[in-house]
Amino acid sequence: GDPVARARVRHGRPLAHANVAVCVGAIVRTLALTPDGERLKFEQNLPMDTSVTVDADDLNEILGNLIENATRHARTLVRIGAVSSATQITISVEDDGEGLSDASMAKALLRGVRLDSRGNGAGLGLAIARDIVVAYGGELELSKSPLGGLCASAQLPA
């Protein structure tokens, strides 16, 4: 089904809260067992009490896509952090891979665009993550990470 429609349908129910650190921990444990993940260090800078007003399945899908993407491209390190303000929480996923050019960053968020010709994955991960984030009134931004690779930041309602 369409993730945006799915997220909107869920908005009819009382809003669920999902714990970011718990969600990230589970995703990292899974990815650390993959061939890509085995060789990487995962750094998690997440306060344990960071929650977002997002359905847990949706949060899993957003962060799963972002962290999996970083894991595929990182050389040695994937760093996941969260910064809270009164109304929103920005979760950032960074890697120390080659990163993307500005033009590629713009394209990466479009559905059906596949920048990674060499790997597995349909190239929809970032677009799907963005669609779900936007359905919650948030934003997904790509920028250059201080680590050298890509930084994907999802702003979600606190």
Protein backbone atom coordinates (compact mmCIF):
# COMPACT_ATOMS: atom_id res chain seq x y z
CA GLY A 1 0.00 0.00 0.00
CA ASP A 2 0.91 3.62 -0.32
CA PRO A 3 2.87 4.64 2.79
CA VAL A 4 1.46 8.16 2.75
CA ALA A 5 -2.12 6.95 2.62
CA ARG A 6 -1.29 4.47 5.36
CA ALA A 7 0.20 7.15 7.59
CA ARG A 8 -2.81 9.42 7.02
CA VAL A 9 -5.21 6.62 7.92
CA ARG A 10 -3.37 6.13 11.20
CA HIS A 11 -3.92 9.80 11.99
CA GLY A 12 -7.57 9.06 12.60
CA ARG A 13 -6.61 7.12 15.73
CA PRO A 14 -5.20 8.54 18.93
CA LEU A 15 -1.58 9.33 18.19
CA ALA A 16 0.92 6.72 19.14
CA HIS A 17 4.31 7.49 20.60
CA ALA A 18 7.43 5.59 19.68
CA ASN A 19 10.73 5.58 21.53
CA VAL A 20 13.54 6.52 19.14
CA ALA A 21 16.41 4.85 21.03
CA VAL A 22 14.55 1.54 21.32
CA CYS A 23 13.65 1.59 17.63
CA VAL A 24 17.19 2.47 16.52
CA GLY A 25 18.69 -0.15 18.81
CA ALA A 26 16.61 -2.91 17.26
CA ILE A 27 17.44 -1.81 13.70
CA VAL A 28 21.16 -1.55 14.45
CA ARG A 29 21.23 -4.99 16.07
CA THR A 30 19.71 -6.45 12.91
CA LEU A 31 21.95 -4.54 10.48
CA ALA A 32 25.10 -5.32 12.48
CA LEU A 33 24.59 -8.97 11.48
CA THR A 34 24.55 -8.23 7.73
CA PRO A 35 27.71 -8.41 5.59
CA ASP A 36 27.69 -4.60 5.20
CA GLY A 37 27.01 -3.98 8.86
CA GLU A 38 29.53 -6.45 10.28
CA ARG A 39 32.48 -4.27 9.31
CA LEU A 40 31.03 -1.03 10.68
CA LYS A 41 30.88 0.76 13.99
CA PHE A 42 27.42 2.07 14.88
CA GLU A 43 27.46 5.10 17.15
CA GLN A 44 24.15 5.91 18.82
CA ASN A 45 23.81 9.31 20.49
CA LEU A 46 20.20 9.02 21.54
CA PRO A 47 18.74 10.04 24.88
CA MET A 48 16.74 7.04 26.14
CA ASP A 49 13.63 9.14 26.72
CA THR A 50 13.39 10.55 23.19
CA SER A 51 9.91 9.80 21.85
CA VAL A 52 8.18 10.96 18.71
CA THR A 53 4.47 11.17 17.97
CA VAL A 54 4.73 8.63 15.19
CA ASP A 55 3.34 5.13 14.87
CA ALA A 56 6.08 2.60 15.77
CA ASP A 57 5.74 0.79 12.41
CA ASP A 58 6.16 4.08 10.56
CA LEU A 59 9.16 5.07 12.67
CA ASN A 60 10.70 1.67 12.00
CA GLU A 61 10.21 2.13 8.30
CA ILE A 62 11.68 5.66 8.28
CA LEU A 63 14.72 4.80 10.38
CA GLY A 64 15.16 1.35 8.86
CA ASN A 65 15.46 2.91 5.40
CA LEU A 66 17.82 5.68 6.53
CA ILE A 67 20.09 3.45 8.62
CA GLU A 68 20.16 0.69 5.99
CA ASN A 69 21.13 3.24 3.35
CA ALA A 70 23.94 4.59 5.56
CA THR A 71 25.11 1.04 6.31
CA ARG A 72 25.37 0.30 2.60
CA HIS A 73 27.52 3.34 1.89
CA ALA A 74 29.60 3.78 5.05
CA ARG A 75 33.28 2.90 5.11
CA THR A 76 33.74 2.44 8.86
CA LEU A 77 31.09 4.36 10.78
CA VAL A 78 27.35 5.05 10.95
CA ARG A 79 26.33 7.68 13.50
CA ILE A 80 22.74 8.13 14.64
CA GLY A 81 21.78 11.07 16.81
CA ALA A 82 18.70 12.97 17.94
CA VAL A 83 18.19 16.60 18.90
CA SER A 84 14.98 17.67 20.63
CA SER A 85 13.18 20.97 20.71
CA ALA A 86 9.83 21.71 22.33
CA THR A 87 7.83 20.70 19.26
CA GLN A 88 10.03 18.43 17.20
CA ILE A 89 12.80 15.92 17.27
CA THR A 90 15.40 15.78 14.55
CA ILE A 91 16.92 12.35 14.06
CA SER A 92 20.07 12.32 11.98
CA VAL A 93 21.76 9.35 10.35
CA GLU A 94 25.29 9.98 9.08
CA ASP A 95 27.92 7.84 7.38
CA ASP A 96 31.56 8.24 6.40
CA GLY A 97 31.10 6.99 2.85
CA GLU A 98 31.56 8.90 -0.39
CA GLY A 99 28.45 10.97 0.10
CA LEU A 100 26.36 12.46 -2.70
CA SER A 101 26.73 15.49 -4.91
CA ASP A 102 24.14 18.24 -4.44
CA ALA A 103 22.39 17.14 -7.63
CA SER A 104 22.26 13.55 -6.45
CA MET A 105 20.89 14.63 -3.07
CA ALA A 106 17.99 16.36 -4.78
CA LYS A 107 17.33 13.25 -6.89
CA ALA A 108 17.68 10.78 -4.03
CA LEU A 109 14.37 11.88 -2.51
CA LEU A 110 12.41 11.28 -5.71
CA ARG A 111 10.50 8.04 -6.04
CA GLY A 112 11.88 5.43 -8.36
CA VAL A 113 15.27 7.10 -8.77
CA ARG A 114 18.07 4.67 -8.22
CA LEU A 115 21.45 6.26 -7.58
CA ASP A 116 23.09 3.10 -6.35
CA SER A 117 23.58 1.04 -9.47
CA ARG A 118 25.92 -1.44 -7.82
CA GLY A 119 23.91 -2.56 -4.85
CA ASN A 120 20.80 -4.30 -3.83
CA GLY A 121 17.79 -2.26 -2.91
CA ALA A 122 15.33 -0.63 -5.23
CA GLY A 123 16.55 2.86 -4.49
CA LEU A 124 13.17 3.75 -2.99
CA GLY A 125 14.33 3.85 0.61
CA LEU A 126 14.92 7.57 0.93
CA ALA A 127 11.79 8.50 -1.03
CA ILE A 128 9.62 6.20 1.08
CA ALA A 129 11.16 7.54 4.29
CA ARG A 130 10.52 11.08 3.08
CA ASP A 131 6.90 10.33 2.17
CA ILE A 132 6.19 8.98 5.65
CA VAL A 133 7.99 11.86 7.39
CA VAL A 134 6.03 14.39 5.31
CA ALA A 135 2.75 12.62 6.13
CA TYR A 136 3.47 13.45 9.78
CA GLY A 137 4.10 17.09 8.94
CA GLY A 138 7.86 16.68 9.15
CA GLU A 139 10.71 17.06 6.71
CA LEU A 140 13.55 14.86 5.53
CA GLU A 141 16.70 16.74 4.57
CA LEU A 142 19.91 15.46 3.05
CA SER A 143 23.20 17.22 3.60
CA LYS A 144 26.92 16.52 3.76
CA SER A 145 27.97 14.85 6.99
CA PRO A 146 31.02 16.11 8.89
CA LEU A 147 32.05 12.43 8.68
CA GLY A 148 32.42 12.88 4.91
CA GLY A 149 29.38 10.96 3.72
CA LEU A 150 25.67 11.68 3.73
CA CYS A 151 23.63 13.05 6.60
CA ALA A 152 19.89 12.34 6.43
CA SER A 153 17.88 14.30 9.00
CA ALA A 154 14.25 13.49 9.72
CA GLN A 155 12.27 16.12 11.62
CA LEU A 156 9.32 14.54 13.41
CA PRO A 157 6.73 15.79 15.90
CA ALA A 158 7.92 15.36 19.50
